[in-house]
Amino acid sequence: MGLAAACGGSDGTGGTTAKGGEEGAPRVAITPANGDGRARPDAGITITASGGKLSQVSVKLKSADIPGTLSADKTSWRSTWTLVPGNRYQVSATATSPKGKATTATSAFRTSKATAATTINNVIPSPGETVGTGMPVFVQFSKEVPVKARPAVERAIEITSTTPTEGAWRWLTAGESFNGLPSVVFRPKQPWAPRQRVSVTVHYAGLKIGDKVFGDKDVTRSFRIGDSHTINVNAKTHKLVVKKNGSTVRSWGVSLGAGGDRQADGVDHLLTTSGVHLTMDRSRLERMRPPGKKKGDPGWYDEQVPWATRISNSGEYIHQNMDDPSCLGNRNCSHGCVRSPAASAQWFYNWAYRGDMVTITGTKRDLQWTNGWAYWQLPFTKWTSGGALGKPVTTGKAA
């Protein structure tokens, strides 16, 4: 085929247009223009052809290919995600006419360096971690993301799993977050199917976060969903039952919160909360003291407690019993935790994943959805309403 190549200058509209030297050759336009030194990262890259169809497109950042979508009629191409600020891109595109005449256009440009102060602080779960079927996915930021930028951030999060899973994102302010970092959190509608891979990529680089400032870089996190672990605790029967993939593997007598310490906020802080908790973290030896009290106050204690698995932010753990053993399986004697025999507490500490579902029933204190990772306390429709887009998403199929 004949090939007429051109690398034209700007056509006056912010792009580079090339027209083949032969009559009847197609035109190819690339935006941003060749030589642009401050291209907007959020605008992406657009290539169009007239008088022919695009037959070859190459877009590179250093040696990496930049993904994009070719239109059904093959007359336009657009980058899938926004661009990395402060980087040089190289574009080459060829269009071919129905009579076989071809035109190639190229553009080399740099994106604006202006990045926002708001950055991605962390993504949870940890890289390669195996987690429970109730585990949320957290994208945590250094500061609050402006409300007007949130829809673009949600659309830029690519989440895939071995088993496609319906879920939704919800924005949490620093005050609602379990660790004080503003976050957007994904929660499945139903627990994750066990034994699968999940990957999350936040295409944050180049997103418009404020006036003329953009997200700094992309973040990718991959982890695994482990076996199905469910834990049921009944405050009336004083029993804890552990199931793995639907079969009971262990059970033991427990002692929950005795109650009797209603403070100024109207909450009895010695009652265990009823609801769906998630295991959050663990400590080989956890120092425990009562909230809202100081040394010398009635009800003060200061204890080092072994084999402690956290299930809320209000100081609730499944841990080794340190007091009257006759309470276990018989009556509620604790300060609000789930006291367990030493051997069982140690076994659970080593066995549980983060994100295992712990359902506690039979107490007069409800678990609030902002208490730790108690997100399963919200109906899914209400959870979904807290997203910027306000609708469920289904994870893509993991490769």
Protein backbone atom coordinates (compact mmCIF):
# COMPACT_ATOMS: atom_id res chain seq x y z
CA MET A 1 0.00 0.00 0.00
CA GLY A 2 1.21 3.54 -0.59
CA LEU A 3 2.17 5.42 2.59
CA ALA A 4 2.17 9.19 2.78
CA ALA A 5 3.51 10.31 6.14
CA ALA A 6 3.17 13.70 7.77
CA CYS A 7 3.82 15.13 11.23
CA GLY A 8 2.05 18.42 10.92
CA GLY A 9 2.02 21.27 13.39
CA SER A 10 -0.98 22.48 15.34
CA ASP A 11 -4.07 23.06 13.24
CA GLY A 12 -5.06 25.94 15.49
CA THR A 13 -7.55 23.90 17.50
CA GLY A 14 -5.14 22.40 20.00
CA GLY A 15 -4.40 19.31 17.93
CA THR A 16 -1.98 18.03 15.31
CA THR A 17 -3.43 17.25 11.86
CA ALA A 18 -1.69 15.33 9.09
CA LYS A 19 -2.85 14.96 5.51
CA GLY A 20 -1.22 12.60 3.05
CA GLY A 21 0.65 14.06 0.10
CA GLU A 22 -1.34 12.02 -2.41
CA GLU A 23 -4.77 13.16 -3.49
CA GLY A 24 -7.48 11.13 -1.84
CA ALA A 25 -5.30 10.30 1.19
CA PRO A 26 -7.09 10.55 4.57
CA ARG A 27 -6.54 13.14 7.26
CA VAL A 28 -5.43 12.19 10.80
CA ALA A 29 -5.83 14.51 13.80
CA ILE A 30 -4.23 13.99 17.21
CA THR A 31 -5.05 15.88 20.40
CA PRO A 32 -2.98 17.01 22.35
CA ALA A 33 -0.87 18.67 19.68
CA ASN A 34 2.73 17.89 18.93
CA GLY A 35 4.99 19.98 21.16
CA ASP A 36 2.32 20.84 23.73
CA GLY A 37 4.12 21.22 27.06
CA ARG A 38 1.11 21.62 29.37
CA ALA A 39 -1.52 19.21 28.10
CA ARG A 40 -4.43 18.60 30.45
CA PRO A 41 -4.14 15.10 31.96
CA ASP A 42 -7.90 14.80 32.46
CA ALA A 43 -8.60 15.43 28.76
CA GLY A 44 -6.82 12.26 27.66
CA ILE A 45 -5.77 11.57 24.07
CA THR A 46 -8.07 11.65 21.05
CA ILE A 47 -7.24 10.52 17.50
CA THR A 48 -9.64 10.98 14.57
CA ALA A 49 -9.50 10.06 10.90
CA SER A 50 -11.47 11.48 7.98
CA GLY A 51 -11.47 10.05 4.50
CA GLY A 52 -10.36 6.67 5.82
CA LYS A 53 -10.20 4.37 8.81
CA LEU A 54 -7.56 4.06 11.52
CA SER A 55 -5.46 1.01 10.77
CA GLN A 56 -2.69 1.47 13.37
CA VAL A 57 -2.49 3.36 16.67
CA SER A 58 0.49 3.46 19.03
CA VAL A 59 0.38 5.49 22.23
CA LYS A 60 3.21 5.12 24.69
CA LEU A 61 4.34 6.49 28.04
CA LYS A 62 8.02 5.62 28.05
CA SER A 63 7.89 1.98 26.87
CA ALA A 64 4.41 1.20 28.22
CA ASP A 65 1.38 1.01 25.93
CA ILE A 66 -1.53 3.26 26.88
CA PRO A 67 -4.92 1.52 26.56
CA GLY A 68 -7.69 3.05 24.52
CA THR A 69 -10.90 2.32 22.63
CA LEU A 70 -11.34 2.32 18.85
CA SER A 71 -14.80 3.35 17.66
CA ALA A 72 -16.95 0.80 15.86
CA ASP A 73 -16.44 2.59 12.54
CA LYS A 74 -12.67 2.83 13.16
CA THR A 75 -12.59 6.58 12.64
CA SER A 76 -11.71 7.59 16.19
CA TRP A 77 -9.66 6.36 19.14
CA ARG A 78 -9.68 7.62 22.73
CA SER A 79 -7.50 6.78 25.70
CA THR A 80 -9.31 4.77 28.38
CA TRP A 81 -7.96 6.57 31.44
CA THR A 82 -6.62 10.00 32.27
CA LEU A 83 -2.92 10.75 31.82
CA VAL A 84 -0.06 10.90 34.32
CA PRO A 85 0.87 14.51 35.14
CA GLY A 86 4.32 15.76 34.21
CA ASN A 87 5.09 12.98 31.70
CA ARG A 88 5.94 12.78 28.00
CA TYR A 89 3.69 10.80 25.66
CA GLN A 90 4.38 9.68 22.11
CA VAL A 91 1.56 9.02 19.65
CA SER A 92 1.59 7.57 16.16
CA ALA A 93 -1.54 6.84 14.12
CA THR A 94 -2.12 5.66 10.56
CA ALA A 95 -5.35 5.91 8.59
CA THR A 96 -6.02 4.16 5.30
CA SER A 97 -8.51 5.24 2.63
CA PRO A 98 -10.84 2.82 0.80
CA LYS A 99 -8.43 2.98 -2.15
CA GLY A 100 -5.46 1.98 0.01
CA LYS A 101 -3.85 5.40 0.42
CA ALA A 102 -2.44 5.97 3.91
CA THR A 103 -1.50 8.85 6.15
CA THR A 104 0.52 8.68 9.37
CA ALA A 105 0.50 11.40 12.03
CA THR A 106 2.66 11.65 15.14
CA SER A 107 2.56 13.78 18.25
CA ALA A 108 4.91 14.08 21.21
CA PHE A 109 3.72 16.18 24.14
CA ARG A 110 4.00 16.64 27.90
CA THR A 111 1.21 16.78 30.43
CA SER A 112 0.82 19.48 33.07
CA LYS A 113 2.85 18.94 36.24
CA ALA A 114 0.22 20.46 38.54
CA THR A 115 -0.84 17.74 41.00
CA ALA A 116 -3.36 18.04 43.83
CA ALA A 117 -2.47 17.95 47.52
CA THR A 118 -5.04 15.16 47.91
CA THR A 119 -3.24 11.84 47.40
CA ILE A 120 -4.08 8.17 47.90
CA ASN A 121 -2.74 7.31 51.35
CA ASN A 122 -3.40 3.57 51.22
CA VAL A 123 -5.54 0.78 49.78
CA ILE A 124 -6.78 -1.99 52.10
CA PRO A 125 -6.48 -5.08 52.06
CA SER A 126 -2.70 -5.37 52.02
CA PRO A 127 -0.88 -6.69 48.93
CA GLY A 128 -1.31 -10.45 48.63
CA GLU A 129 -3.36 -10.68 51.85
CA THR A 130 -5.94 -13.44 52.30
CA VAL A 131 -9.12 -11.98 53.80
CA GLY A 132 -12.58 -13.05 54.89
CA THR A 133 -15.75 -13.05 52.81
CA GLY A 134 -17.07 -9.94 54.56
CA MET A 135 -13.99 -7.80 53.79
CA PRO A 136 -14.54 -4.27 52.48
CA VAL A 137 -12.10 -2.58 50.10
CA PHE A 138 -10.82 0.81 51.28
CA VAL A 139 -9.26 3.54 49.15
CA GLN A 140 -7.95 6.03 51.71
CA PHE A 141 -6.93 9.61 50.96
CA SER A 142 -4.60 12.10 52.65
CA LYS A 143 -7.45 14.62 52.87
CA GLU A 144 -11.11 14.90 51.87
CA VAL A 145 -11.74 14.56 48.15
CA PRO A 146 -13.85 17.50 46.89
CA VAL A 147 -17.46 16.44 46.31
CA LYS A 148 -17.35 17.55 42.66
CA ALA A 149 -14.37 15.22 42.02
CA ARG A 150 -15.90 12.12 43.60
CA PRO A 151 -17.91 10.84 40.60
CA ALA A 152 -14.76 10.86 38.45
CA VAL A 153 -12.82 9.03 41.18
CA GLU A 154 -15.48 6.30 41.43
CA ARG A 155 -15.56 5.83 37.67
CA ALA A 156 -11.75 5.56 37.67
CA ILE A 157 -11.66 2.59 40.08
CA GLU A 158 -11.31 -0.69 38.22
CA ILE A 159 -12.15 -3.71 40.38
CA THR A 160 -12.04 -7.29 39.12
CA SER A 161 -12.62 -10.67 40.78
CA THR A 162 -12.56 -14.32 39.78
CA THR A 163 -16.31 -14.45 40.44
CA PRO A 164 -18.08 -11.28 39.20
CA THR A 165 -19.56 -9.67 42.30
CA GLU A 166 -22.18 -6.94 42.73
CA GLY A 167 -21.32 -4.25 45.24
CA ALA A 168 -21.23 -0.51 45.73
CA TRP A 169 -18.92 2.32 46.81
CA ARG A 170 -19.67 4.66 49.69
CA TRP A 171 -17.76 7.77 50.75
CA LEU A 172 -16.75 8.11 54.40
CA THR A 173 -15.60 11.36 55.94
CA ALA A 174 -12.64 11.39 58.32
CA GLY A 175 -15.14 11.37 61.22
CA GLU A 176 -16.92 8.26 59.92
CA SER A 177 -13.75 6.36 59.00
CA PHE A 178 -12.40 3.76 61.40
CA ASN A 179 -8.91 5.33 61.41
CA GLY A 180 -9.63 8.98 60.70
CA LEU A 181 -8.69 8.90 57.00
CA PRO A 182 -11.35 9.97 54.49
CA SER A 183 -12.14 6.98 52.30
CA VAL A 184 -14.27 5.50 49.59
CA VAL A 185 -15.24 1.94 50.52
CA PHE A 186 -16.50 -0.97 48.41
CA ARG A 187 -18.84 -3.47 50.06
CA PRO A 188 -20.32 -6.47 48.25
CA LYS A 189 -24.10 -6.85 48.26
CA GLN A 190 -23.60 -10.42 49.49
CA PRO A 191 -20.45 -11.86 51.07
CA TRP A 192 -17.64 -12.53 48.61
CA ALA A 193 -17.60 -16.02 47.12
CA PRO A 194 -14.72 -17.83 48.88
CA ARG A 195 -11.40 -18.82 47.34
CA GLN A 196 -11.01 -16.20 44.64
CA ARG A 197 -8.70 -13.40 43.52
CA VAL A 198 -9.58 -9.70 43.63
CA SER A 199 -7.66 -6.82 42.07
CA VAL A 200 -8.26 -3.09 42.46
CA THR A 201 -6.65 -0.37 40.34
CA VAL A 202 -7.39 3.26 41.11
CA HIS A 203 -6.67 5.19 37.91
CA TYR A 204 -6.04 8.33 39.95
CA ALA A 205 -3.26 9.87 37.85
CA GLY A 206 -4.60 12.84 35.89
CA LEU A 207 -8.09 12.97 37.42
CA LYS A 208 -9.24 16.55 37.92
CA ILE A 209 -9.33 17.02 41.69
CA GLY A 210 -9.44 20.83 41.79
CA ASP A 211 -8.97 23.85 39.56
CA LYS A 212 -6.03 22.99 37.28
CA VAL A 213 -4.76 20.28 39.69
CA PHE A 214 -4.83 16.54 39.06
CA GLY A 215 -4.37 13.20 40.81
CA ASP A 216 -0.71 12.20 41.06
CA LYS A 217 -0.46 8.46 40.38
CA ASP A 218 -2.34 5.19 39.94
CA VAL A 219 -2.44 2.56 42.68
CA THR A 220 -3.02 -1.19 42.21
CA ARG A 221 -3.74 -3.75 44.92
CA SER A 222 -4.35 -7.50 44.58
CA PHE A 223 -5.49 -9.87 47.33
CA ARG A 224 -7.36 -13.13 47.87
CA ILE A 225 -10.64 -14.13 49.47
CA GLY A 226 -10.04 -17.18 51.64
CA ASP A 227 -12.38 -19.87 52.92
CA SER A 228 -15.77 -18.83 54.23
CA HIS A 229 -15.40 -18.20 57.99
CA THR A 230 -18.55 -17.36 59.97
CA ILE A 231 -18.67 -16.86 63.71
CA ASN A 232 -21.93 -16.71 65.68
CA VAL A 233 -22.02 -15.54 69.30
CA ASN A 234 -25.15 -15.76 71.43
CA ALA A 235 -25.25 -13.66 74.60
CA LYS A 236 -28.18 -15.66 76.00
CA THR A 237 -26.72 -19.15 75.54
CA HIS A 238 -23.15 -17.86 76.18
CA LYS A 239 -21.85 -19.87 73.24
CA LEU A 240 -19.60 -19.14 70.25
CA VAL A 241 -19.80 -21.33 67.12
CA VAL A 242 -17.22 -21.21 64.32
CA LYS A 243 -17.97 -22.50 60.82
CA LYS A 244 -15.66 -23.00 57.86
CA ASN A 245 -17.33 -23.29 54.44
CA GLY A 246 -20.62 -24.03 56.18
CA SER A 247 -19.40 -26.78 58.54
CA THR A 248 -18.88 -26.30 62.29
CA VAL A 249 -15.20 -26.64 63.16
CA ARG A 250 -15.16 -25.47 66.77
CA SER A 251 -17.39 -24.06 69.53
CA TRP A 252 -16.85 -22.91 73.11
CA GLY A 253 -18.47 -21.19 76.04
CA VAL A 254 -18.00 -17.41 76.27
CA SER A 255 -18.77 -14.52 78.57
CA LEU A 256 -19.98 -11.21 77.12
CA GLY A 257 -20.49 -7.73 78.58
CA ALA A 258 -22.18 -7.56 81.96
CA GLY A 259 -23.52 -4.02 81.46
CA GLY A 260 -24.14 -1.51 84.24
CA ASP A 261 -22.05 1.47 83.16
CA ARG A 262 -24.33 3.94 81.37
CA GLN A 263 -22.36 7.14 80.82
CA ALA A 264 -23.33 10.70 79.84
CA ASP A 265 -23.78 9.71 76.19
CA GLY A 266 -26.57 7.34 77.23
CA VAL A 267 -24.63 4.25 76.17
CA ASP A 268 -23.97 1.34 78.48
CA HIS A 269 -20.31 0.82 77.62
CA LEU A 270 -20.12 -2.51 79.41
CA LEU A 271 -22.62 -4.15 77.05
CA THR A 272 -21.40 -6.03 74.00
CA THR A 273 -22.91 -4.74 70.75
CA SER A 274 -25.31 -6.94 68.78
CA GLY A 275 -24.92 -7.03 65.00
CA VAL A 276 -22.62 -8.14 62.21
CA HIS A 277 -19.03 -7.33 63.15
CA LEU A 278 -15.90 -7.99 61.10
CA THR A 279 -12.56 -9.11 62.48
CA MET A 280 -10.28 -6.11 62.02
CA ASP A 281 -6.84 -6.72 63.46
CA ARG A 282 -5.21 -8.66 66.28
CA SER A 283 -2.75 -8.22 69.10
CA ARG A 284 -0.71 -10.85 70.89
CA LEU A 285 -1.04 -8.77 74.06
CA GLU A 286 -3.52 -5.87 74.12
CA ARG A 287 -3.63 -3.20 76.83
CA MET A 288 -7.28 -2.56 77.79
CA ARG A 289 -8.73 0.35 79.75
CA PRO A 290 -12.33 1.62 80.03
CA PRO A 291 -13.38 4.48 77.73
CA GLY A 292 -14.17 7.79 79.41
CA LYS A 293 -12.50 6.89 82.71
CA LYS A 294 -9.23 7.62 84.45
CA LYS A 295 -7.29 5.90 87.18
CA GLY A 296 -9.18 6.08 90.48
CA ASP A 297 -12.64 6.30 88.87
CA PRO A 298 -15.20 3.61 89.73
CA GLY A 299 -14.90 0.78 87.24
CA TRP A 300 -11.32 1.63 86.26
CA TYR A 301 -9.13 -1.24 85.04
CA ASP A 302 -5.82 -1.50 83.22
CA GLU A 303 -5.07 -5.00 81.93
CA GLN A 304 -2.76 -6.73 79.46
CA VAL A 305 -4.95 -9.25 77.65
CA PRO A 306 -3.53 -12.07 75.45
CA TRP A 307 -4.75 -13.38 72.09
CA ALA A 308 -6.98 -10.39 71.29
CA THR A 309 -8.82 -10.21 67.92
CA ARG A 310 -10.52 -6.84 67.41
CA ILE A 311 -14.11 -6.78 66.13
CA SER A 312 -15.07 -3.09 66.57
CA ASN A 313 -13.68 0.36 67.30
CA SER A 314 -15.42 0.56 70.67
CA GLY A 315 -12.94 -1.78 72.35
CA GLU A 316 -14.56 -5.14 71.60
CA TYR A 317 -12.33 -8.16 71.09
CA ILE A 318 -12.51 -11.92 71.14
CA HIS A 319 -9.77 -12.62 73.68
CA GLN A 320 -8.49 -14.92 76.41
CA ASN A 321 -10.46 -14.87 79.65
CA MET A 322 -8.46 -13.32 82.50
CA ASP A 323 -11.04 -13.49 85.30
CA ASP A 324 -13.53 -15.91 86.86
CA PRO A 325 -13.52 -19.00 84.59
CA SER A 326 -16.94 -20.05 85.87
CA CYS A 327 -18.48 -17.22 83.81
CA LEU A 328 -17.54 -18.91 80.54
CA GLY A 329 -20.61 -20.55 79.03
CA ASN A 330 -22.78 -19.53 81.99
CA ARG A 331 -23.15 -15.76 82.46
CA ASN A 332 -21.96 -12.42 81.10
CA CYS A 333 -19.17 -10.99 83.22
CA SER A 334 -16.93 -9.06 80.82
CA HIS A 335 -16.38 -5.34 80.17
CA GLY A 336 -17.93 -5.78 76.71
CA CYS A 337 -15.52 -8.19 75.03
CA VAL A 338 -16.09 -11.83 74.13
CA ARG A 339 -14.04 -13.66 76.76
CA SER A 340 -12.95 -17.13 75.71
CA PRO A 341 -10.92 -20.05 77.10
CA ALA A 342 -7.19 -19.51 76.58
CA ALA A 343 -6.74 -22.36 74.09
CA SER A 344 -9.76 -21.25 72.02
CA ALA A 345 -8.74 -17.58 72.01
CA GLN A 346 -5.25 -18.52 70.81
CA TRP A 347 -6.64 -20.85 68.14
CA PHE A 348 -9.00 -18.15 66.86
CA TYR A 349 -6.23 -15.54 66.87
CA ASN A 350 -4.15 -17.75 64.55
CA TRP A 351 -7.06 -19.04 62.43
CA ALA A 352 -9.15 -15.98 61.56
CA TYR A 353 -8.68 -13.72 58.55
CA ARG A 354 -9.30 -10.00 58.59
CA GLY A 355 -12.84 -9.50 57.32
CA ASP A 356 -14.41 -12.62 58.84
CA MET A 357 -18.05 -12.06 59.78
CA VAL A 358 -18.82 -12.23 63.52
CA THR A 359 -22.56 -12.06 64.26
CA ILE A 360 -23.46 -11.33 67.89
CA THR A 361 -27.04 -11.63 69.12
CA GLY A 362 -28.93 -11.31 72.39
CA THR A 363 -27.68 -8.01 73.87
CA LYS A 364 -29.51 -4.70 74.35
CA ARG A 365 -26.87 -2.56 72.64
CA ASP A 366 -26.93 -2.30 68.84
CA LEU A 367 -23.79 -2.10 66.75
CA GLN A 368 -23.60 1.22 64.88
CA TRP A 369 -22.48 0.97 61.24
CA THR A 370 -19.67 3.49 61.80
CA ASN A 371 -18.23 1.42 64.66
CA GLY A 372 -15.16 -0.18 63.10
CA TRP A 373 -16.04 -2.13 59.95
CA ALA A 374 -19.72 -2.65 60.78
CA TYR A 375 -20.81 -1.81 57.23
CA TRP A 376 -23.00 -4.91 56.96
CA GLN A 377 -25.32 -3.20 59.45
CA LEU A 378 -26.57 -0.95 56.63
CA PRO A 379 -29.08 -2.31 54.09
CA PHE A 380 -27.39 -2.47 50.69
CA THR A 381 -29.67 0.18 49.17
CA LYS A 382 -28.74 2.62 51.93
CA TRP A 383 -25.07 1.75 51.59
CA THR A 384 -25.29 2.42 47.85
CA SER A 385 -26.91 5.82 48.38
CA GLY A 386 -23.68 7.03 49.99
CA GLY A 387 -21.76 6.74 46.72
CA ALA A 388 -21.16 9.67 44.41
CA LEU A 389 -22.79 7.78 41.54
CA GLY A 390 -25.46 6.23 43.77
CA LYS A 391 -25.69 2.92 41.94
CA PRO A 392 -24.28 -0.61 42.28
CA VAL A 393 -21.36 -1.87 40.22
CA THR A 394 -20.37 -5.39 39.25
CA THR A 395 -16.73 -6.36 39.37
CA GLY A 396 -15.06 -7.27 36.10
CA LYS A 397 -13.88 -10.81 35.45
CA ALA A 398 -10.35 -11.30 36.73
CA ALA A 399 -7.86 -12.58 34.19
